[in-house]
Amino acid sequence: MKTRLSFTFLICSVLSFGCDKSFLYVSQPQLKSVFDQQIKVKDVAKANALDLIWIIDNSGSMEVLHQSVIDNTSVFIDGFTKNNLDWQMGLVSTDESDEPYLGMKPGSLFFSTAPNAIDLFKSAVGHLGNSGSGTEKTLKPLVDSLEEYPGFVRNGAVLGIISLTDAPEQSENPVSDYIARFQKVTGSASAIYAYGVYQARDLGCPPTEEGVWNFAGSRYEEFMKTLSGYKTLKLCDPNFGQVLSNISLDLVQKVQQSRIMLPFRPKVSTLKVFYNNVSLPGGAQADGGQWYYDYPRNTVTFYDLKFAQGNQEYVRVYAEEDDGLN
């Protein structure tokens, strides 16, 4: 702690002058705030809400893909249903002149409570057709639709993006423009994850009539790197049902990650999490971490709560406020 003495006090002390005590000021140490709290495992918050927007290429080369999506819709949605996920979905194409095909407009939103949800989604994909523009754009239709229908992004929900195309991204503006607009309209989302299902050479797919292109260094990568996380998958995967199933399960895991909100910005080096008085490792899950500090949301976020035997146990979180002095 740093204590500062006023100049008047120093003069009075060193020179032994008789000073008027009313001018004497001694600053007190500023105490750091400390967060030290036990929280029941069952009370650790989960978002459990997902807003998912699909951008599907509807140019002439995508008819087979559309049928693959239709054939595996039940596999995809069943993953949400089994986990009681509160979801809504929207569907737009890579043709910027198209209206949304499902779920974006007020009055026609597509929620988990919709009767015959699987059939509704299949029908919407079927209406995409294959006569869309040969200039395939993902970023512009995505951002345009979210700006036109800002109510699609619910406060505190996780936002998911699934794009399926065999072509490189061809929206006309610099990617930075779309990033700025996207961040403005999605600011209330708790996290944003993207899944790119692409016919890219570096993902292991052969060239098509769209030519040869790589995801690495692409406009897609430039955009996705600004999100909470992203994954790329092969459009050419012969087991497309498994591709969709993996996306569904990954989204469930991310939406249902448990979070503890912190009351202040912590000094990260002091942040610790305990279970049964044993410190749980933090960091990347691949390195053995069981939780991480989510800076944008200022939360301690658990990958899962499998370390707890039941929902009556407690986790303890300790953190000291970052006062900026050290």
C-alpha atoms as a PDB file:
ATOM      1  CA  MET A   1       0.000   0.000   0.000  1.00  0.00           C
ATOM      2  CA  LYS A   2       1.217   3.491  -0.775  1.00  0.00           C
ATOM      3  CA  THR A   3       0.728   6.281   1.799  1.00  0.00           C
ATOM      4  CA  ARG A   4       1.305   9.874   0.712  1.00  0.00           C
ATOM      5  CA  LEU A   5       2.040  12.703   3.202  1.00  0.00           C
ATOM      6  CA  SER A   6       1.130  16.235   2.257  1.00  0.00           C
ATOM      7  CA  PHE A   7       3.850  18.838   1.576  1.00  0.00           C
ATOM      8  CA  THR A   8       2.578  20.899   4.542  1.00  0.00           C
ATOM      9  CA  PHE A   9       3.064  17.969   6.895  1.00  0.00           C
ATOM     10  CA  LEU A  10       6.638  17.414   5.711  1.00  0.00           C
ATOM     11  CA  ILE A  11       7.588  21.078   6.203  1.00  0.00           C
ATOM     12  CA  CYS A  12       6.075  21.119   9.692  1.00  0.00           C
ATOM     13  CA  SER A  13       7.823  17.910  10.702  1.00  0.00           C
ATOM     14  CA  VAL A  14      11.276  18.620   9.302  1.00  0.00           C
ATOM     15  CA  LEU A  15      11.553  22.269  10.274  1.00  0.00           C
ATOM     16  CA  SER A  16       9.496  21.989  13.494  1.00  0.00           C
ATOM     17  CA  PHE A  17       7.349  24.980  12.528  1.00  0.00           C
ATOM     18  CA  GLY A  18       4.201  25.574  14.457  1.00  0.00           C
ATOM     19  CA  CYS A  19       1.669  24.808  11.798  1.00  0.00           C
ATOM     20  CA  ASP A  20      -2.065  25.198  11.867  1.00  0.00           C
ATOM     21  CA  LYS A  21      -3.325  21.637  12.171  1.00  0.00           C
ATOM     22  CA  SER A  22      -6.322  22.538   9.968  1.00  0.00           C
ATOM     23  CA  PHE A  23      -3.915  22.550   7.004  1.00  0.00           C
ATOM     24  CA  LEU A  24      -2.525  19.135   7.854  1.00  0.00           C
ATOM     25  CA  TYR A  25      -3.580  16.301   5.543  1.00  0.00           C
ATOM     26  CA  VAL A  26      -2.405  12.709   5.598  1.00  0.00           C
ATOM     27  CA  SER A  27      -3.768  10.463   2.835  1.00  0.00           C
ATOM     28  CA  GLN A  28      -4.881   7.048   4.008  1.00  0.00           C
ATOM     29  CA  PRO A  29      -3.892   3.819   2.296  1.00  0.00           C
ATOM     30  CA  GLN A  30      -6.459   2.834  -0.293  1.00  0.00           C
ATOM     31  CA  LEU A  31      -7.687  -0.627   0.589  1.00  0.00           C
ATOM     32  CA  LYS A  32      -8.144  -3.065  -2.254  1.00  0.00           C
ATOM     33  CA  SER A  33     -11.506  -4.718  -2.685  1.00  0.00           C
ATOM     34  CA  VAL A  34     -11.421  -8.463  -2.224  1.00  0.00           C
ATOM     35  CA  PHE A  35     -13.867 -10.984  -3.618  1.00  0.00           C
ATOM     36  CA  ASP A  36     -13.859 -14.153  -1.543  1.00  0.00           C
ATOM     37  CA  GLN A  37     -17.072 -16.060  -1.915  1.00  0.00           C
ATOM     38  CA  GLN A  38     -18.416 -19.588  -1.733  1.00  0.00           C
ATOM     39  CA  ILE A  39     -21.108 -20.433  -4.267  1.00  0.00           C
ATOM     40  CA  LYS A  40     -23.160 -23.592  -4.534  1.00  0.00           C
ATOM     41  CA  VAL A  41     -22.442 -25.526  -7.694  1.00  0.00           C
ATOM     42  CA  LYS A  42     -26.151 -25.583  -8.541  1.00  0.00           C
ATOM     43  CA  ASP A  43     -26.264 -21.787  -8.336  1.00  0.00           C
ATOM     44  CA  VAL A  44     -23.432 -21.143 -10.787  1.00  0.00           C
ATOM     45  CA  ALA A  45     -25.145 -19.272 -13.609  1.00  0.00           C
ATOM     46  CA  LYS A  46     -25.671 -20.663 -17.084  1.00  0.00           C
ATOM     47  CA  ALA A  47     -26.883 -18.702 -20.071  1.00  0.00           C
ATOM     48  CA  ASN A  48     -28.874 -21.652 -21.533  1.00  0.00           C
ATOM     49  CA  ALA A  49     -30.091 -19.376 -24.337  1.00  0.00           C
ATOM     50  CA  LEU A  50     -28.798 -19.576 -27.908  1.00  0.00           C
ATOM     51  CA  ASP A  51     -29.494 -17.277 -30.848  1.00  0.00           C
ATOM     52  CA  LEU A  52     -28.279 -19.103 -33.957  1.00  0.00           C
ATOM     53  CA  ILE A  53     -28.057 -17.650 -37.448  1.00  0.00           C
ATOM     54  CA  TRP A  54     -27.331 -19.794 -40.499  1.00  0.00           C
ATOM     55  CA  ILE A  55     -25.836 -18.343 -43.690  1.00  0.00           C
ATOM     56  CA  ILE A  56     -26.139 -20.958 -46.430  1.00  0.00           C
ATOM     57  CA  ASP A  57     -24.794 -20.566 -49.953  1.00  0.00           C
ATOM     58  CA  ASN A  58     -27.666 -20.852 -52.460  1.00  0.00           C
ATOM     59  CA  SER A  59     -25.689 -20.606 -55.687  1.00  0.00           C
ATOM     60  CA  GLY A  60     -25.879 -23.260 -58.388  1.00  0.00           C
ATOM     61  CA  SER A  61     -23.277 -25.587 -56.884  1.00  0.00           C
ATOM     62  CA  MET A  62     -24.982 -26.116 -53.517  1.00  0.00           C
ATOM     63  CA  GLU A  63     -28.064 -28.239 -54.239  1.00  0.00           C
ATOM     64  CA  VAL A  64     -26.494 -31.415 -52.838  1.00  0.00           C
ATOM     65  CA  LEU A  65     -25.439 -29.615 -49.683  1.00  0.00           C
ATOM     66  CA  HIS A  66     -28.959 -28.299 -49.094  1.00  0.00           C
ATOM     67  CA  GLN A  67     -30.289 -31.845 -49.215  1.00  0.00           C
ATOM     68  CA  SER A  68     -27.598 -32.961 -46.766  1.00  0.00           C
ATOM     69  CA  VAL A  69     -28.685 -30.241 -44.323  1.00  0.00           C
ATOM     70  CA  ILE A  70     -32.327 -31.289 -44.724  1.00  0.00           C
ATOM     71  CA  ASP A  71     -31.487 -34.969 -44.229  1.00  0.00           C
ATOM     72  CA  ASN A  72     -29.624 -34.216 -40.992  1.00  0.00           C
ATOM     73  CA  THR A  73     -31.792 -31.472 -39.476  1.00  0.00           C
ATOM     74  CA  SER A  74     -33.285 -33.819 -36.906  1.00  0.00           C
ATOM     75  CA  VAL A  75     -29.807 -34.886 -35.773  1.00  0.00           C
ATOM     76  CA  PHE A  76     -28.852 -31.258 -35.280  1.00  0.00           C
ATOM     77  CA  ILE A  77     -31.971 -30.048 -33.463  1.00  0.00           C
ATOM     78  CA  ASP A  78     -32.239 -33.201 -31.326  1.00  0.00           C
ATOM     79  CA  GLY A  79     -28.928 -32.229 -29.724  1.00  0.00           C
ATOM     80  CA  PHE A  80     -30.566 -29.032 -28.465  1.00  0.00           C
ATOM     81  CA  THR A  81     -33.797 -30.733 -27.416  1.00  0.00           C
ATOM     82  CA  LYS A  82     -32.049 -33.389 -25.334  1.00  0.00           C
ATOM     83  CA  ASN A  83     -30.276 -30.675 -23.377  1.00  0.00           C
ATOM     84  CA  ASN A  84     -33.345 -28.440 -22.906  1.00  0.00           C
ATOM     85  CA  LEU A  85     -31.673 -25.576 -24.731  1.00  0.00           C
ATOM     86  CA  ASP A  86     -33.627 -22.348 -25.159  1.00  0.00           C
ATOM     87  CA  TRP A  87     -32.859 -21.578 -28.791  1.00  0.00           C
ATOM     88  CA  GLN A  88     -34.001 -19.479 -31.688  1.00  0.00           C
ATOM     89  CA  MET A  89     -32.734 -19.737 -35.252  1.00  0.00           C
ATOM     90  CA  GLY A  90     -32.615 -17.574 -38.344  1.00  0.00           C
ATOM     91  CA  LEU A  91     -31.696 -18.516 -41.899  1.00  0.00           C
ATOM     92  CA  VAL A  92     -30.286 -16.214 -44.587  1.00  0.00           C
ATOM     93  CA  SER A  93     -28.508 -16.918 -47.875  1.00  0.00           C
ATOM     94  CA  THR A  94     -25.287 -15.681 -49.442  1.00  0.00           C
ATOM     95  CA  ASP A  95     -27.341 -13.665 -51.953  1.00  0.00           C
ATOM     96  CA  GLU A  96     -27.607 -10.164 -50.487  1.00  0.00           C
ATOM     97  CA  SER A  97     -30.836  -9.480 -52.405  1.00  0.00           C
ATOM     98  CA  ASP A  98     -32.705 -12.281 -50.593  1.00  0.00           C
ATOM     99  CA  GLU A  99     -34.983 -11.716 -47.617  1.00  0.00           C
ATOM    100  CA  PRO A 100     -34.399 -13.993 -44.606  1.00  0.00           C
ATOM    101  CA  TYR A 101     -35.784 -17.450 -45.209  1.00  0.00           C
ATOM    102  CA  LEU A 102     -36.666 -18.114 -41.573  1.00  0.00           C
ATOM    103  CA  GLY A 103     -36.810 -16.597 -38.150  1.00  0.00           C
ATOM    104  CA  MET A 104     -35.357 -13.094 -38.330  1.00  0.00           C
ATOM    105  CA  LYS A 105     -38.437 -10.905 -38.711  1.00  0.00           C
ATOM    106  CA  PRO A 106     -40.621  -9.893 -35.757  1.00  0.00           C
ATOM    107  CA  GLY A 107     -43.752 -11.995 -35.771  1.00  0.00           C
ATOM    108  CA  SER A 108     -42.035 -14.884 -37.542  1.00  0.00           C
ATOM    109  CA  LEU A 109     -39.274 -15.729 -35.070  1.00  0.00           C
ATOM    110  CA  PHE A 110     -38.369 -19.409 -34.918  1.00  0.00           C
ATOM    111  CA  PHE A 111     -38.011 -20.653 -31.320  1.00  0.00           C
ATOM    112  CA  SER A 112     -37.440 -23.993 -29.584  1.00  0.00           C
ATOM    113  CA  THR A 113     -41.125 -23.941 -28.614  1.00  0.00           C
ATOM    114  CA  ALA A 114     -42.281 -23.969 -32.256  1.00  0.00           C
ATOM    115  CA  PRO A 115     -44.513 -26.937 -33.157  1.00  0.00           C
ATOM    116  CA  ASN A 116     -42.936 -29.134 -35.830  1.00  0.00           C
ATOM    117  CA  ALA A 117     -39.651 -27.230 -35.551  1.00  0.00           C
ATOM    118  CA  ILE A 118     -37.704 -29.823 -37.537  1.00  0.00           C
ATOM    119  CA  ASP A 119     -40.153 -29.732 -40.450  1.00  0.00           C
ATOM    120  CA  LEU A 120     -40.175 -25.928 -40.448  1.00  0.00           C
ATOM    121  CA  PHE A 121     -36.416 -25.743 -40.740  1.00  0.00           C
ATOM    122  CA  LYS A 122     -36.298 -28.402 -43.462  1.00  0.00           C
ATOM    123  CA  SER A 123     -38.891 -26.475 -45.451  1.00  0.00           C
ATOM    124  CA  ALA A 124     -36.932 -23.209 -45.127  1.00  0.00           C
ATOM    125  CA  VAL A 125     -33.721 -24.848 -46.356  1.00  0.00           C
ATOM    126  CA  GLY A 126     -35.655 -26.372 -49.241  1.00  0.00           C
ATOM    127  CA  HIS A 127     -36.822 -22.908 -50.304  1.00  0.00           C
ATOM    128  CA  LEU A 128     -33.236 -21.648 -50.637  1.00  0.00           C
ATOM    129  CA  GLY A 129     -33.058 -23.075 -54.132  1.00  0.00           C
ATOM    130  CA  ASN A 130     -29.881 -22.967 -56.209  1.00  0.00           C
ATOM    131  CA  SER A 131     -30.414 -19.851 -58.310  1.00  0.00           C
ATOM    132  CA  GLY A 132     -28.827 -17.387 -55.885  1.00  0.00           C
ATOM    133  CA  SER A 133     -26.099 -14.986 -56.910  1.00  0.00           C
ATOM    134  CA  GLY A 134     -22.810 -16.505 -58.036  1.00  0.00           C
ATOM    135  CA  THR A 135     -21.063 -13.771 -56.049  1.00  0.00           C
ATOM    136  CA  GLU A 136     -21.314 -15.488 -52.669  1.00  0.00           C
ATOM    137  CA  LYS A 137     -21.348 -13.085 -49.732  1.00  0.00           C
ATOM    138  CA  THR A 138     -21.427 -14.171 -46.110  1.00  0.00           C
ATOM    139  CA  LEU A 139     -20.460 -11.074 -44.115  1.00  0.00           C
ATOM    140  CA  LYS A 140     -22.796  -8.591 -45.773  1.00  0.00           C
ATOM    141  CA  PRO A 141     -25.998 -10.674 -45.458  1.00  0.00           C
ATOM    142  CA  LEU A 142     -25.051 -11.575 -41.897  1.00  0.00           C
ATOM    143  CA  VAL A 143     -24.511  -7.996 -40.757  1.00  0.00           C
ATOM    144  CA  ASP A 144     -27.335  -6.527 -42.838  1.00  0.00           C
ATOM    145  CA  SER A 145     -29.897  -8.934 -41.412  1.00  0.00           C
ATOM    146  CA  LEU A 146     -28.792  -8.374 -37.816  1.00  0.00           C
ATOM    147  CA  GLU A 147     -28.949  -4.609 -38.303  1.00  0.00           C
ATOM    148  CA  GLU A 148     -32.382  -4.775 -39.903  1.00  0.00           C
ATOM    149  CA  TYR A 149     -33.717  -7.086 -37.191  1.00  0.00           C
ATOM    150  CA  PRO A 150     -31.715  -6.160 -34.053  1.00  0.00           C
ATOM    151  CA  GLY A 151     -34.246  -7.872 -31.783  1.00  0.00           C
ATOM    152  CA  PHE A 152     -32.916 -11.230 -32.930  1.00  0.00           C
ATOM    153  CA  VAL A 153     -29.977 -10.962 -30.505  1.00  0.00           C
ATOM    154  CA  ARG A 154     -31.362 -11.488 -27.010  1.00  0.00           C
ATOM    155  CA  ASN A 155     -29.662  -9.873 -24.051  1.00  0.00           C
ATOM    156  CA  GLY A 156     -27.345 -12.359 -22.356  1.00  0.00           C
ATOM    157  CA  ALA A 157     -27.820 -15.145 -24.907  1.00  0.00           C
ATOM    158  CA  VAL A 158     -24.962 -16.842 -26.718  1.00  0.00           C
ATOM    159  CA  LEU A 159     -24.889 -15.976 -30.423  1.00  0.00           C
ATOM    160  CA  GLY A 160     -23.943 -18.760 -32.812  1.00  0.00           C
ATOM    161  CA  ILE A 161     -23.110 -18.427 -36.520  1.00  0.00           C
ATOM    162  CA  ILE A 162     -22.991 -21.307 -38.987  1.00  0.00           C
ATOM    163  CA  SER A 163     -21.842 -20.535 -42.523  1.00  0.00           C
ATOM    164  CA  LEU A 164     -21.833 -23.149 -45.280  1.00  0.00           C
ATOM    165  CA  THR A 165     -20.285 -22.414 -48.666  1.00  0.00           C
ATOM    166  CA  ASP A 166     -17.845 -23.728 -51.236  1.00  0.00           C
ATOM    167  CA  ALA A 167     -16.686 -20.235 -52.200  1.00  0.00           C
ATOM    168  CA  PRO A 168     -14.376 -17.588 -50.748  1.00  0.00           C
ATOM    169  CA  GLU A 169     -16.038 -14.586 -49.095  1.00  0.00           C
ATOM    170  CA  GLN A 170     -16.908 -11.887 -51.670  1.00  0.00           C
ATOM    171  CA  SER A 171     -18.651  -9.045 -49.818  1.00  0.00           C
ATOM    172  CA  GLU A 172     -17.445  -5.760 -51.264  1.00  0.00           C
ATOM    173  CA  ASN A 173     -16.322  -3.792 -48.191  1.00  0.00           C
ATOM    174  CA  PRO A 174     -13.196  -4.336 -46.081  1.00  0.00           C
ATOM    175  CA  VAL A 175     -13.691  -6.942 -43.353  1.00  0.00           C
ATOM    176  CA  SER A 176     -12.981  -4.277 -40.719  1.00  0.00           C
ATOM    177  CA  ASP A 177     -16.168  -2.454 -41.750  1.00  0.00           C
ATOM    178  CA  TYR A 178     -18.291  -5.537 -41.152  1.00  0.00           C
ATOM    179  CA  ILE A 179     -16.537  -6.241 -37.857  1.00  0.00           C
ATOM    180  CA  ALA A 180     -17.341  -2.748 -36.552  1.00  0.00           C
ATOM    181  CA  ARG A 181     -20.996  -2.963 -37.597  1.00  0.00           C
ATOM    182  CA  PHE A 182     -21.335  -6.510 -36.253  1.00  0.00           C
ATOM    183  CA  GLN A 183     -19.885  -5.620 -32.852  1.00  0.00           C
ATOM    184  CA  LYS A 184     -22.259  -2.692 -32.523  1.00  0.00           C
ATOM    185  CA  VAL A 185     -25.405  -4.739 -33.124  1.00  0.00           C
ATOM    186  CA  THR A 186     -24.338  -7.799 -31.082  1.00  0.00           C
ATOM    187  CA  GLY A 187     -23.093  -6.027 -27.960  1.00  0.00           C
ATOM    188  CA  SER A 188     -25.745  -7.622 -25.718  1.00  0.00           C
ATOM    189  CA  ALA A 189     -24.719 -11.208 -26.554  1.00  0.00           C
ATOM    190  CA  SER A 190     -22.905 -13.026 -23.752  1.00  0.00           C
ATOM    191  CA  ALA A 191     -20.527 -14.752 -26.194  1.00  0.00           C
ATOM    192  CA  ILE A 192     -20.249 -15.299 -29.960  1.00  0.00           C
ATOM    193  CA  TYR A 193     -19.088 -18.522 -31.635  1.00  0.00           C
ATOM    194  CA  ALA A 194     -18.798 -19.252 -35.356  1.00  0.00           C
ATOM    195  CA  TYR A 195     -18.646 -22.490 -37.331  1.00  0.00           C
ATOM    196  CA  GLY A 196     -17.402 -22.302 -40.903  1.00  0.00           C
ATOM    197  CA  VAL A 197     -18.196 -25.335 -43.058  1.00  0.00           C
ATOM    198  CA  TYR A 198     -16.048 -24.642 -46.124  1.00  0.00           C
ATOM    199  CA  GLN A 199     -14.719 -26.254 -49.284  1.00  0.00           C
ATOM    200  CA  ALA A 200     -11.210 -24.960 -48.567  1.00  0.00           C
ATOM    201  CA  ARG A 201      -8.017 -26.673 -49.663  1.00  0.00           C
ATOM    202  CA  ASP A 202      -6.301 -26.329 -46.287  1.00  0.00           C
ATOM    203  CA  LEU A 203      -9.296 -28.049 -44.651  1.00  0.00           C
ATOM    204  CA  GLY A 204      -8.710 -31.092 -46.847  1.00  0.00           C
ATOM    205  CA  CYS A 205     -11.259 -30.486 -49.606  1.00  0.00           C
ATOM    206  CA  PRO A 206     -10.654 -30.813 -53.357  1.00  0.00           C
ATOM    207  CA  PRO A 207     -11.236 -27.815 -55.641  1.00  0.00           C
ATOM    208  CA  THR A 208     -14.665 -27.186 -57.166  1.00  0.00           C
ATOM    209  CA  GLU A 209     -15.894 -24.840 -59.869  1.00  0.00           C
ATOM    210  CA  GLU A 210     -15.190 -22.053 -57.367  1.00  0.00           C
ATOM    211  CA  GLY A 211     -11.480 -22.804 -57.732  1.00  0.00           C
ATOM    212  CA  VAL A 212      -8.855 -23.398 -55.064  1.00  0.00           C
ATOM    213  CA  TRP A 213      -8.788 -21.275 -51.913  1.00  0.00           C
ATOM    214  CA  ASN A 214      -7.610 -21.553 -48.315  1.00  0.00           C
ATOM    215  CA  PHE A 215      -9.270 -20.613 -45.061  1.00  0.00           C
ATOM    216  CA  ALA A 216      -5.956 -19.442 -43.580  1.00  0.00           C
ATOM    217  CA  GLY A 217      -5.480 -15.801 -44.437  1.00  0.00           C
ATOM    218  CA  SER A 218      -9.001 -15.502 -45.816  1.00  0.00           C
ATOM    219  CA  ARG A 219     -11.660 -12.898 -45.086  1.00  0.00           C
ATOM    220  CA  TYR A 220     -13.519 -15.554 -43.118  1.00  0.00           C
ATOM    221  CA  GLU A 221     -10.567 -16.013 -40.786  1.00  0.00           C
ATOM    222  CA  GLU A 222     -10.083 -12.270 -40.374  1.00  0.00           C
ATOM    223  CA  PHE A 223     -13.676 -11.916 -39.213  1.00  0.00           C
ATOM    224  CA  MET A 224     -13.838 -15.025 -37.030  1.00  0.00           C
ATOM    225  CA  LYS A 225     -10.666 -14.164 -35.109  1.00  0.00           C
ATOM    226  CA  THR A 226     -12.556 -11.274 -33.488  1.00  0.00           C
ATOM    227  CA  LEU A 227     -15.205 -13.564 -31.948  1.00  0.00           C
ATOM    228  CA  SER A 228     -15.242 -15.495 -28.671  1.00  0.00           C
ATOM    229  CA  GLY A 229     -14.248 -18.588 -30.620  1.00  0.00           C
ATOM    230  CA  TYR A 230     -14.605 -20.361 -33.938  1.00  0.00           C
ATOM    231  CA  LYS A 231     -14.186 -23.742 -35.604  1.00  0.00           C
ATOM    232  CA  THR A 232     -13.755 -24.761 -39.230  1.00  0.00           C
ATOM    233  CA  LEU A 233     -15.147 -27.976 -40.710  1.00  0.00           C
ATOM    234  CA  LYS A 234     -14.969 -29.703 -44.082  1.00  0.00           C
ATOM    235  CA  LEU A 235     -17.841 -29.168 -46.469  1.00  0.00           C
ATOM    236  CA  CYS A 236     -16.576 -32.221 -48.346  1.00  0.00           C
ATOM    237  CA  ASP A 237     -16.863 -34.517 -45.297  1.00  0.00           C
ATOM    238  CA  PRO A 238     -18.718 -37.655 -46.469  1.00  0.00           C
ATOM    239  CA  ASN A 239     -20.334 -37.959 -43.041  1.00  0.00           C
ATOM    240  CA  PHE A 240     -22.108 -34.607 -43.076  1.00  0.00           C
ATOM    241  CA  GLY A 241     -24.542 -35.729 -40.398  1.00  0.00           C
ATOM    242  CA  GLN A 242     -21.655 -36.094 -37.972  1.00  0.00           C
ATOM    243  CA  VAL A 243     -20.437 -32.615 -38.884  1.00  0.00           C
ATOM    244  CA  LEU A 244     -23.789 -31.109 -37.914  1.00  0.00           C
ATOM    245  CA  SER A 245     -24.033 -33.286 -34.811  1.00  0.00           C
ATOM    246  CA  ASN A 246     -20.605 -32.100 -33.638  1.00  0.00           C
ATOM    247  CA  ILE A 247     -21.605 -28.456 -34.115  1.00  0.00           C
ATOM    248  CA  SER A 248     -24.809 -29.030 -32.162  1.00  0.00           C
ATOM    249  CA  LEU A 249     -23.034 -30.682 -29.236  1.00  0.00           C
ATOM    250  CA  ASP A 250     -20.284 -28.051 -29.190  1.00  0.00           C
ATOM    251  CA  LEU A 251     -22.853 -25.260 -29.070  1.00  0.00           C
ATOM    252  CA  VAL A 252     -24.681 -26.963 -26.195  1.00  0.00           C
ATOM    253  CA  GLN A 253     -21.434 -27.166 -24.246  1.00  0.00           C
ATOM    254  CA  LYS A 254     -20.575 -23.531 -24.885  1.00  0.00           C
ATOM    255  CA  VAL A 255     -24.060 -22.217 -24.120  1.00  0.00           C
ATOM    256  CA  GLN A 256     -24.270 -24.205 -20.922  1.00  0.00           C
ATOM    257  CA  GLN A 257     -20.847 -23.257 -19.632  1.00  0.00           C
ATOM    258  CA  SER A 258     -21.182 -22.055 -16.063  1.00  0.00           C
ATOM    259  CA  ARG A 259     -20.044 -18.558 -15.154  1.00  0.00           C
ATOM    260  CA  ILE A 260     -19.468 -16.498 -12.009  1.00  0.00           C
ATOM    261  CA  MET A 261     -19.652 -12.748 -12.499  1.00  0.00           C
ATOM    262  CA  LEU A 262     -17.012 -10.722 -10.675  1.00  0.00           C
ATOM    263  CA  PRO A 263     -17.955  -7.372  -9.069  1.00  0.00           C
ATOM    264  CA  PHE A 264     -14.779  -5.618 -10.231  1.00  0.00           C
ATOM    265  CA  ARG A 265     -11.887  -6.048 -12.658  1.00  0.00           C
ATOM    266  CA  PRO A 266      -9.473  -8.420 -10.859  1.00  0.00           C
ATOM    267  CA  LYS A 267      -5.734  -8.542 -10.765  1.00  0.00           C
ATOM    268  CA  VAL A 268      -5.532 -11.766 -12.750  1.00  0.00           C
ATOM    269  CA  SER A 269      -2.534 -13.127 -10.842  1.00  0.00           C
ATOM    270  CA  THR A 270      -4.642 -13.185  -7.651  1.00  0.00           C
ATOM    271  CA  LEU A 271      -7.592 -15.014  -9.204  1.00  0.00           C
ATOM    272  CA  LYS A 272      -8.044 -18.492  -7.726  1.00  0.00           C
ATOM    273  CA  VAL A 273     -10.823 -21.086  -7.718  1.00  0.00           C
ATOM    274  CA  PHE A 274     -11.163 -23.830  -5.101  1.00  0.00           C
ATOM    275  CA  TYR A 275     -13.272 -26.958  -4.730  1.00  0.00           C
ATOM    276  CA  ASN A 276     -13.109 -28.888  -1.436  1.00  0.00           C
ATOM    277  CA  ASN A 277     -10.232 -26.583  -0.449  1.00  0.00           C
ATOM    278  CA  VAL A 278      -8.208 -27.742  -3.446  1.00  0.00           C
ATOM    279  CA  SER A 279      -7.167 -25.195  -6.058  1.00  0.00           C
ATOM    280  CA  LEU A 280      -8.592 -25.929  -9.495  1.00  0.00           C
ATOM    281  CA  PRO A 281      -6.207 -25.273 -12.407  1.00  0.00           C
ATOM    282  CA  GLY A 282      -7.135 -22.421 -14.712  1.00  0.00           C
ATOM    283  CA  GLY A 283      -6.250 -21.871 -18.355  1.00  0.00           C
ATOM    284  CA  ALA A 284      -6.867 -23.659 -21.622  1.00  0.00           C
ATOM    285  CA  GLN A 285      -8.864 -26.866 -21.402  1.00  0.00           C
ATOM    286  CA  ALA A 286      -6.333 -28.617 -23.636  1.00  0.00           C
ATOM    287  CA  ASP A 287      -3.674 -27.864 -20.991  1.00  0.00           C
ATOM    288  CA  GLY A 288      -5.756 -29.273 -18.148  1.00  0.00           C
ATOM    289  CA  GLY A 289      -7.533 -26.062 -17.173  1.00  0.00           C
ATOM    290  CA  GLN A 290     -10.973 -26.420 -15.585  1.00  0.00           C
ATOM    291  CA  TRP A 291     -11.858 -22.731 -15.769  1.00  0.00           C
ATOM    292  CA  TYR A 292     -10.667 -19.532 -17.416  1.00  0.00           C
ATOM    293  CA  TYR A 293     -11.021 -15.805 -16.892  1.00  0.00           C
ATOM    294  CA  ASP A 294     -13.289 -14.354 -19.580  1.00  0.00           C
ATOM    295  CA  TYR A 295     -12.018 -10.786 -19.852  1.00  0.00           C
ATOM    296  CA  PRO A 296     -14.786  -9.286 -22.067  1.00  0.00           C
ATOM    297  CA  ARG A 297     -17.519 -10.568 -19.733  1.00  0.00           C
ATOM    298  CA  ASN A 298     -15.455 -10.276 -16.522  1.00  0.00           C
ATOM    299  CA  THR A 299     -16.402 -13.773 -15.401  1.00  0.00           C
ATOM    300  CA  VAL A 300     -14.819 -16.933 -14.099  1.00  0.00           C
ATOM    301  CA  THR A 301     -16.068 -19.458 -16.670  1.00  0.00           C
ATOM    302  CA  PHE A 302     -15.998 -23.231 -16.170  1.00  0.00           C
ATOM    303  CA  TYR A 303     -15.617 -25.603 -19.095  1.00  0.00           C
ATOM    304  CA  ASP A 304     -17.897 -27.968 -17.179  1.00  0.00           C
ATOM    305  CA  LEU A 305     -18.713 -28.865 -13.571  1.00  0.00           C
ATOM    306  CA  LYS A 306     -17.802 -32.547 -13.766  1.00  0.00           C
ATOM    307  CA  PHE A 307     -15.341 -32.133 -10.899  1.00  0.00           C
ATOM    308  CA  ALA A 308     -18.320 -31.782  -8.511  1.00  0.00           C
ATOM    309  CA  GLN A 309     -20.093 -34.923  -7.327  1.00  0.00           C
ATOM    310  CA  GLY A 310     -23.462 -33.235  -6.885  1.00  0.00           C
ATOM    311  CA  ASN A 311     -25.131 -29.839  -6.785  1.00  0.00           C
ATOM    312  CA  GLN A 312     -24.831 -29.248  -3.045  1.00  0.00           C
ATOM    313  CA  GLU A 313     -21.079 -28.686  -3.027  1.00  0.00           C
ATOM    314  CA  TYR A 314     -19.481 -25.265  -3.140  1.00  0.00           C
ATOM    315  CA  VAL A 315     -16.844 -23.639  -5.252  1.00  0.00           C
ATOM    316  CA  ARG A 316     -14.869 -20.758  -3.790  1.00  0.00           C
ATOM    317  CA  VAL A 317     -13.581 -17.869  -5.872  1.00  0.00           C
ATOM    318  CA  TYR A 318     -10.942 -15.452  -4.601  1.00  0.00           C
ATOM    319  CA  ALA A 319      -9.752 -12.309  -6.365  1.00  0.00           C
ATOM    320  CA  GLU A 320      -8.231  -8.947  -5.505  1.00  0.00           C
ATOM    321  CA  GLU A 321      -9.206  -5.812  -7.347  1.00  0.00           C
ATOM    322  CA  ASP A 322      -6.771  -4.446  -9.881  1.00  0.00           C
ATOM    323  CA  ASP A 323      -6.111  -0.967  -8.479  1.00  0.00           C
ATOM    324  CA  GLY A 324      -3.648  -0.078 -11.216  1.00  0.00           C
ATOM    325  CA  LEU A 325      -0.846   0.713  -8.749  1.00  0.00           C
ATOM    326  CA  ASN A 326       1.193  -2.439  -9.337  1.00  0.00           C
END
